[in-house]
Amino acid sequence: MARRLLVAALAIAMTFIAVMSSAAAATWSSWQHVPVPAQVRPQAGLNEAVALSPDRAWAVGADAVGREAPGFPLVLRWNGTAWQRQKLPGIGWQGELLSVAATSPTAVWAVGRDSADGAHLLRFNGAGWHESRPPRGVVLSKVVAGGGETWLIGWRDGAQVLLRRDGGGWRDMPVPPGSVYGLHILAADNVWAAGATGSGAAVSHWNGQAWQQTIVNGFPRSAVSSVLALSPTEVWAGGTAGFVGGPVGKPIPPLLVRWDGQAWNRVTVPTDFGSITSLAPGPSGTPVWVSVARSLKWGPPGSYPPFVPGPDFLAWNGQSFTEYSEPAVAGEGDSSALGLAPVPGTATVWSVGRAAGPEGTFAPRILRFD
């Protein structure tokens, strides 16, 4: 009898622990705000982040931005416990950092632009940041790394250019027709590009010899800015469908398409308006994260305004999306252009951006999903 009571008590205890653990996991499995370092000055914003491990991540942007002041380049680093502002010795120009990418802890790259539209290329070598000479005559907009490769997106004399890190310099690469807004690099001979042409949104694939381009949405004003290649039969691209019109503010429907190895198909997303700004791989069971800026849904019939806020993040589990909204912050609005930065080998994802404040102000925003 005593033995049966002991077994029953242990079973109840184990059930209680399992329930509490599940509740804790459910509570933690959400997007949470992470404090911004106190050294960051007011009127700051973040544009992009990259993570190499649970204790190595970087985010870039600008702070001390005024109505007519360009602000100063800003780099933050995650050390596993907190975000800290990194010093940029010898870098005295005003402007902002637009993009960041990394192939290793000693090869972290950032591109920026100063108040005179001059291009800047920075590198972190494991000890500190320093200016690296940018390709001559190129206005840089983005740096992308993957598969041991580092590429730059920019413009030269009004024409778009792609440049690949080759030894100690940068080599011009062929450019697909139209404009390129984003890249996903798997290897030197396996690169995917997201962009647009006069015929609509386009995704192109580089096989080491030439680009093969596909129009994934035929509306002339549509475009994709982010592309994610998980396998030869699993490629995603996101952007805007390009519709102009609709309710107050003329929102634009999001565009999400998926390659299954045979054809590109449009994926229905649980929001009616907005722009897909970032795609990222998720852990097993949720292969794709989607970030949606200015997300809106149609409201109830007859309501005004006619729409309500939509999800900021979508997680695809292979069959459907789970919707997530950014946690509210008192006195601040939603963030814009939240970029995604997954932590390799984990279920953690970082997201950075800027949030609208009162009277035209804005503040940096850092979120984390676990």
Protein backbone atom coordinates (compact mmCIF):
# COMPACT_ATOMS: atom_id res chain seq x y z
CA MET A 1 0.00 0.00 0.00
CA ALA A 2 2.74 2.43 1.00
CA ARG A 3 4.63 1.56 -2.19
CA ARG A 4 1.55 2.29 -4.35
CA LEU A 5 1.07 5.64 -2.61
CA LEU A 6 4.74 6.52 -3.20
CA VAL A 7 4.50 5.63 -6.90
CA ALA A 8 1.30 7.68 -7.24
CA ALA A 9 2.90 10.65 -5.49
CA LEU A 10 5.93 10.46 -7.76
CA ALA A 11 3.69 10.30 -10.84
CA ILE A 12 1.77 13.39 -9.72
CA ALA A 13 5.04 15.23 -9.03
CA MET A 14 6.47 14.33 -12.42
CA THR A 15 3.26 15.44 -14.14
CA PHE A 16 3.37 18.75 -12.29
CA ILE A 17 7.00 19.30 -13.29
CA ALA A 18 6.21 18.50 -16.93
CA VAL A 19 3.25 20.88 -16.96
CA MET A 20 5.28 23.66 -15.36
CA SER A 21 8.16 23.06 -17.77
CA SER A 22 5.79 23.19 -20.74
CA ALA A 23 4.24 26.41 -19.44
CA ALA A 24 7.66 27.96 -18.95
CA ALA A 25 8.72 26.91 -22.44
CA ALA A 26 5.52 28.29 -23.92
CA THR A 27 6.10 31.59 -22.12
CA TRP A 28 9.70 31.79 -23.24
CA SER A 29 9.04 30.75 -26.83
CA SER A 30 8.11 34.24 -27.94
CA TRP A 31 9.69 37.49 -29.03
CA GLN A 32 11.09 39.57 -26.17
CA HIS A 33 12.70 42.99 -26.06
CA VAL A 34 16.39 43.07 -25.14
CA PRO A 35 17.87 46.21 -23.55
CA VAL A 36 19.90 48.58 -25.71
CA PRO A 37 23.25 49.70 -24.21
CA ALA A 38 23.13 52.91 -22.21
CA GLN A 39 26.03 54.25 -24.32
CA VAL A 40 23.73 54.53 -27.34
CA ARG A 41 22.67 58.15 -27.74
CA PRO A 42 19.05 59.21 -28.40
CA GLN A 43 17.60 59.16 -31.90
CA ALA A 44 19.22 55.87 -32.86
CA GLY A 45 18.23 53.06 -35.18
CA LEU A 46 19.56 49.68 -36.24
CA ASN A 47 19.58 48.41 -39.82
CA GLU A 48 20.93 44.86 -39.74
CA ALA A 49 22.43 42.17 -37.51
CA VAL A 50 24.48 39.00 -37.91
CA ALA A 51 25.15 36.16 -35.45
CA LEU A 52 27.90 33.55 -35.50
CA SER A 53 27.23 31.82 -32.17
CA PRO A 54 25.27 32.29 -28.91
CA ASP A 55 27.93 34.71 -27.65
CA ARG A 56 28.91 36.45 -30.90
CA ALA A 57 26.52 38.78 -32.72
CA TRP A 58 26.77 42.27 -34.16
CA ALA A 59 24.20 44.94 -35.07
CA VAL A 60 24.83 48.15 -37.03
CA GLY A 61 23.04 51.44 -37.61
CA ALA A 62 23.40 55.06 -36.48
CA ASP A 63 22.77 57.21 -33.42
CA ALA A 64 22.48 60.91 -32.58
CA VAL A 65 20.47 61.41 -35.76
CA GLY A 66 18.74 64.80 -35.94
CA ARG A 67 16.24 66.36 -38.31
CA GLU A 68 19.12 67.70 -40.38
CA ALA A 69 22.04 65.84 -38.79
CA PRO A 70 23.24 62.57 -40.34
CA GLY A 71 24.22 60.99 -37.02
CA PHE A 72 27.19 58.72 -36.36
CA PRO A 73 27.94 55.10 -37.31
CA LEU A 74 26.90 52.64 -34.61
CA VAL A 75 28.10 49.08 -33.93
CA LEU A 76 26.75 46.91 -31.11
CA ARG A 77 28.12 43.53 -30.04
CA TRP A 78 26.42 40.71 -28.12
CA ASN A 79 28.78 38.88 -25.77
CA GLY A 80 26.37 36.19 -24.60
CA THR A 81 25.03 38.29 -21.74
CA ALA A 82 24.39 41.83 -22.97
CA TRP A 83 24.72 44.13 -25.96
CA GLN A 84 27.63 46.57 -25.77
CA ARG A 85 28.62 49.47 -27.97
CA GLN A 86 31.91 48.89 -29.78
CA LYS A 87 34.45 51.63 -30.26
CA LEU A 88 35.29 52.78 -33.78
CA PRO A 89 38.72 54.42 -33.32
CA GLY A 90 39.84 56.62 -36.16
CA ILE A 91 36.41 56.59 -37.77
CA GLY A 92 35.29 60.21 -37.54
CA TRP A 93 32.79 60.55 -40.39
CA GLN A 94 29.10 61.19 -39.91
CA GLY A 95 26.53 58.89 -41.45
CA GLU A 96 25.26 55.37 -40.84
CA LEU A 97 26.14 51.74 -41.25
CA LEU A 98 23.68 49.97 -43.53
CA SER A 99 24.63 46.31 -43.46
CA VAL A 100 26.78 43.75 -41.65
CA ALA A 101 27.92 40.20 -42.48
CA ALA A 102 30.53 37.74 -41.23
CA THR A 103 32.38 34.63 -42.33
CA SER A 104 34.25 34.18 -39.02
CA PRO A 105 34.89 36.02 -35.72
CA THR A 106 37.91 37.67 -37.37
CA ALA A 107 36.18 38.60 -40.63
CA VAL A 108 33.13 40.73 -39.85
CA TRP A 109 32.28 43.32 -42.51
CA ALA A 110 30.06 46.40 -42.42
CA VAL A 111 29.20 48.88 -45.15
CA GLY A 112 28.07 52.44 -44.64
CA ARG A 113 27.53 55.80 -46.19
CA ASP A 114 28.58 59.23 -44.95
CA SER A 115 26.75 62.55 -45.19
CA ALA A 116 28.33 63.24 -48.60
CA ASP A 117 27.19 59.83 -49.96
CA GLY A 118 30.73 58.50 -49.73
CA ALA A 119 31.07 54.73 -49.35
CA HIS A 120 32.68 53.19 -46.28
CA LEU A 121 33.76 49.61 -45.71
CA LEU A 122 34.67 48.50 -42.18
CA ARG A 123 36.19 45.23 -40.98
CA PHE A 124 36.40 43.67 -37.52
CA ASN A 125 39.52 41.47 -37.29
CA GLY A 126 38.81 40.00 -33.87
CA ALA A 127 40.54 42.81 -32.00
CA GLY A 128 38.87 45.95 -33.30
CA TRP A 129 37.18 47.74 -36.17
CA HIS A 130 39.10 49.58 -38.85
CA GLU A 131 38.38 51.17 -42.22
CA SER A 132 39.06 49.02 -45.26
CA ARG A 133 39.44 50.61 -48.68
CA PRO A 134 36.14 50.28 -50.57
CA PRO A 135 36.12 49.47 -54.29
CA ARG A 136 36.86 52.65 -56.23
CA GLY A 137 33.86 54.62 -57.42
CA VAL A 138 31.27 52.27 -55.87
CA VAL A 139 28.43 53.42 -53.62
CA LEU A 140 27.82 50.47 -51.31
CA SER A 141 24.41 49.38 -50.05
CA LYS A 142 24.85 45.85 -48.67
CA VAL A 143 27.36 43.18 -47.68
CA VAL A 144 26.42 39.48 -47.72
CA ALA A 145 28.41 36.46 -46.53
CA GLY A 146 27.91 32.71 -46.72
CA GLY A 147 29.68 29.53 -47.77
CA GLY A 148 33.03 31.14 -47.01
CA GLU A 149 32.20 33.91 -49.51
CA THR A 150 31.74 37.67 -49.05
CA TRP A 151 29.97 39.79 -51.68
CA LEU A 152 29.07 43.47 -51.92
CA ILE A 153 26.05 45.10 -53.57
CA GLY A 154 26.46 48.64 -54.84
CA TRP A 155 26.33 51.12 -57.70
CA ARG A 156 28.97 52.59 -59.99
CA ASP A 157 28.17 55.43 -62.41
CA GLY A 158 24.46 54.71 -62.15
CA ALA A 159 24.81 50.98 -62.90
CA GLN A 160 24.47 48.25 -60.32
CA VAL A 161 27.53 46.18 -59.45
CA LEU A 162 28.20 42.97 -57.53
CA LEU A 163 31.66 42.43 -56.11
CA ARG A 164 33.18 39.26 -54.66
CA ARG A 165 36.00 39.12 -52.13
CA ASP A 166 38.93 37.61 -54.02
CA GLY A 167 42.17 37.30 -52.06
CA GLY A 168 42.93 40.74 -50.68
CA GLY A 169 40.68 42.66 -53.06
CA TRP A 170 37.26 42.84 -54.66
CA ARG A 171 36.43 41.50 -58.11
CA ASP A 172 33.48 42.58 -60.26
CA MET A 173 30.97 39.83 -60.95
CA PRO A 174 28.28 39.61 -63.63
CA VAL A 175 24.97 41.19 -62.64
CA PRO A 176 21.57 39.71 -63.56
CA PRO A 177 19.11 41.92 -65.48
CA GLY A 178 17.26 44.53 -63.43
CA SER A 179 18.06 45.37 -59.82
CA VAL A 180 19.42 43.16 -57.04
CA TYR A 181 18.30 43.90 -53.48
CA GLY A 182 19.40 40.77 -51.62
CA LEU A 183 21.63 37.71 -51.91
CA HIS A 184 21.87 34.28 -50.33
CA ILE A 185 25.30 32.73 -50.84
CA LEU A 186 25.79 28.99 -50.43
CA ALA A 187 29.08 28.70 -52.36
CA ALA A 188 31.06 30.53 -55.03
CA ASP A 189 29.04 28.68 -57.68
CA ASN A 190 25.69 28.68 -55.85
CA VAL A 191 24.32 32.17 -55.25
CA TRP A 192 20.70 33.30 -55.22
CA ALA A 193 19.69 36.93 -55.91
CA ALA A 194 16.39 38.70 -55.12
CA GLY A 195 15.35 41.74 -57.08
CA ALA A 196 13.13 43.19 -59.78
CA THR A 197 13.01 43.94 -63.48
CA GLY A 198 10.59 45.92 -65.62
CA SER A 199 8.61 42.70 -65.93
CA GLY A 200 8.17 42.17 -62.18
CA ALA A 201 9.79 40.52 -59.18
CA ALA A 202 12.76 38.35 -60.12
CA VAL A 203 14.89 35.64 -58.53
CA SER A 204 18.19 34.72 -60.17
CA HIS A 205 20.62 31.84 -59.61
CA TRP A 206 24.38 31.99 -60.21
CA ASN A 207 26.01 28.64 -61.06
CA GLY A 208 29.55 29.98 -61.27
CA GLN A 209 29.28 30.74 -64.98
CA ALA A 210 26.04 32.63 -65.61
CA TRP A 211 22.83 33.88 -64.02
CA GLN A 212 19.54 32.13 -64.69
CA GLN A 213 16.64 34.48 -63.94
CA THR A 214 12.96 33.76 -63.28
CA ILE A 215 10.16 36.30 -62.99
CA VAL A 216 8.33 35.12 -59.87
CA ASN A 217 5.57 37.74 -60.00
CA GLY A 218 4.56 39.44 -63.22
CA PHE A 219 3.17 42.70 -61.85
CA PRO A 220 5.60 45.43 -63.03
CA ARG A 221 5.82 47.14 -59.62
CA SER A 222 6.43 43.96 -57.64
CA ALA A 223 9.84 43.16 -56.17
CA VAL A 224 11.54 40.73 -53.82
CA SER A 225 14.29 41.95 -51.49
CA SER A 226 15.12 38.79 -49.53
CA VAL A 227 15.87 35.25 -50.69
CA LEU A 228 16.54 32.11 -48.66
CA ALA A 229 17.80 28.85 -50.19
CA LEU A 230 17.45 25.83 -47.92
CA SER A 231 17.97 23.15 -50.58
CA PRO A 232 17.71 22.73 -54.37
CA THR A 233 13.98 22.11 -53.89
CA GLU A 234 13.31 24.64 -51.10
CA VAL A 235 13.93 28.31 -51.94
CA TRP A 236 11.90 31.24 -50.62
CA ALA A 237 11.76 34.90 -51.68
CA GLY A 238 9.83 37.78 -50.16
CA GLY A 239 9.01 41.41 -50.86
CA THR A 240 5.97 43.36 -52.08
CA ALA A 241 3.35 42.55 -54.68
CA GLY A 242 3.48 46.14 -55.88
CA PHE A 243 -0.22 47.02 -55.72
CA VAL A 244 -0.74 50.78 -55.36
CA GLY A 245 -4.10 51.90 -54.01
CA GLY A 246 -6.49 50.51 -51.43
CA PRO A 247 -7.32 52.03 -48.04
CA VAL A 248 -5.90 55.15 -46.41
CA GLY A 249 -2.12 55.30 -46.71
CA LYS A 250 -2.13 53.07 -49.78
CA PRO A 251 -0.63 49.94 -48.18
CA ILE A 252 0.92 47.28 -50.41
CA PRO A 253 0.24 43.52 -50.21
CA PRO A 254 3.19 41.34 -49.20
CA LEU A 255 4.69 38.92 -51.69
CA LEU A 256 6.04 35.53 -50.62
CA VAL A 257 6.97 32.87 -53.17
CA ARG A 258 8.45 29.39 -52.86
CA TRP A 259 10.44 27.18 -55.26
CA ASP A 260 9.71 23.44 -54.93
CA GLY A 261 12.26 22.25 -57.48
CA GLN A 262 9.77 22.49 -60.34
CA ALA A 263 8.08 25.88 -60.18
CA TRP A 264 7.70 29.09 -58.18
CA ASN A 265 4.38 29.33 -56.35
CA ARG A 266 2.91 32.17 -54.34
CA VAL A 267 2.46 31.42 -50.64
CA THR A 268 -0.57 32.83 -48.84
CA VAL A 269 0.42 34.76 -45.73
CA PRO A 270 -1.91 35.67 -42.83
CA THR A 271 -1.71 39.41 -43.41
CA ASP A 272 -3.23 41.57 -46.14
CA PHE A 273 -0.77 44.44 -46.40
CA GLY A 274 2.91 45.06 -45.65
CA SER A 275 6.34 44.29 -46.99
CA ILE A 276 8.36 41.16 -46.32
CA THR A 277 11.75 42.53 -45.35
CA SER A 278 13.68 39.51 -44.15
CA LEU A 279 13.73 35.70 -44.35
CA ALA A 280 15.76 33.41 -42.12
CA PRO A 281 16.11 29.68 -41.48
CA GLY A 282 14.58 28.41 -38.27
CA PRO A 283 15.25 25.32 -36.14
CA SER A 284 14.00 21.88 -37.08
CA GLY A 285 10.23 21.95 -37.44
CA THR A 286 10.08 25.66 -38.31
CA PRO A 287 12.26 25.94 -41.41
CA VAL A 288 11.46 29.57 -42.27
CA TRP A 289 11.10 32.83 -40.36
CA VAL A 290 9.42 35.76 -42.13
CA SER A 291 9.58 39.40 -41.01
CA VAL A 292 6.78 41.71 -42.19
CA ALA A 293 7.08 45.50 -41.99
CA ARG A 294 3.96 47.69 -41.75
CA SER A 295 1.81 44.58 -41.44
CA LEU A 296 -1.97 45.21 -41.65
CA LYS A 297 -5.11 43.10 -41.88
CA TRP A 298 -8.55 44.12 -43.05
CA GLY A 299 -10.72 44.98 -40.06
CA PRO A 300 -14.38 44.09 -39.51
CA PRO A 301 -16.77 45.30 -42.24
CA GLY A 302 -17.67 48.96 -41.81
CA SER A 303 -14.81 49.70 -39.37
CA TYR A 304 -12.66 52.81 -39.67
CA PRO A 305 -9.84 52.75 -40.23
CA PRO A 306 -10.63 49.68 -42.32
CA PHE A 307 -7.61 47.69 -41.13
CA VAL A 308 -6.00 46.48 -37.90
CA PRO A 309 -2.36 45.61 -37.07
CA GLY A 310 -1.14 42.32 -38.51
CA PRO A 311 1.64 39.96 -37.36
CA ASP A 312 5.23 41.23 -37.34
CA PHE A 313 6.76 37.76 -37.60
CA LEU A 314 5.62 34.51 -39.19
CA ALA A 315 7.07 31.06 -38.46
CA TRP A 316 6.47 28.32 -41.05
CA ASN A 317 6.27 24.76 -39.69
CA GLY A 318 6.07 23.05 -43.06
CA GLN A 319 2.29 23.34 -43.39
CA SER A 320 1.13 26.64 -41.91
CA PHE A 321 2.28 29.87 -40.28
CA THR A 322 2.33 30.78 -36.61
CA GLU A 323 1.82 34.51 -36.10
CA TYR A 324 3.84 36.61 -33.67
CA SER A 325 3.46 40.29 -32.81
CA GLU A 326 6.18 42.50 -31.47
CA PRO A 327 5.68 43.22 -27.74
CA ALA A 328 4.31 46.71 -27.17
CA VAL A 329 6.45 49.42 -25.58
CA ALA A 330 4.77 52.30 -23.76
CA GLY A 331 5.07 55.57 -25.67
CA GLU A 332 6.53 53.93 -28.78
CA GLY A 333 5.07 52.54 -31.96
CA ASP A 334 5.89 49.41 -33.90
CA SER A 335 9.32 48.83 -35.33
CA SER A 336 10.06 49.20 -39.02
CA ALA A 337 12.12 46.95 -41.28
CA LEU A 338 12.95 44.35 -38.66
CA GLY A 339 15.89 42.34 -39.99
CA LEU A 340 16.36 38.72 -38.89
CA ALA A 341 19.61 37.15 -37.73
CA PRO A 342 19.41 33.46 -36.70
CA VAL A 343 22.00 32.04 -34.31
CA PRO A 344 23.56 28.98 -36.01
CA GLY A 345 22.87 25.65 -34.33
CA THR A 346 20.20 27.04 -32.01
CA ALA A 347 16.53 28.04 -32.03
CA THR A 348 17.44 31.65 -31.20
CA VAL A 349 16.75 34.46 -33.66
CA TRP A 350 17.69 38.12 -33.31
CA SER A 351 15.76 40.96 -34.90
CA VAL A 352 16.79 44.61 -35.01
CA GLY A 353 15.21 47.82 -36.28
CA ARG A 354 13.92 51.17 -35.13
CA ALA A 355 10.67 52.16 -33.48
CA ALA A 356 8.67 55.35 -33.92
CA GLY A 357 8.43 57.58 -30.86
CA PRO A 358 6.47 60.74 -30.02
CA GLU A 359 6.74 63.88 -32.17
CA GLY A 360 8.78 62.32 -34.93
CA THR A 361 11.44 60.73 -32.70
CA PHE A 362 12.64 57.15 -33.00
CA ALA A 363 14.56 54.63 -30.93
CA PRO A 364 16.57 51.45 -31.59
CA ARG A 365 14.83 48.13 -31.16
CA ILE A 366 16.37 44.73 -30.41
CA LEU A 367 14.23 41.61 -30.08
CA ARG A 368 15.09 37.99 -29.41
CA PHE A 369 13.19 34.77 -29.93
CA ASP A 370 14.04 31.60 -28.00
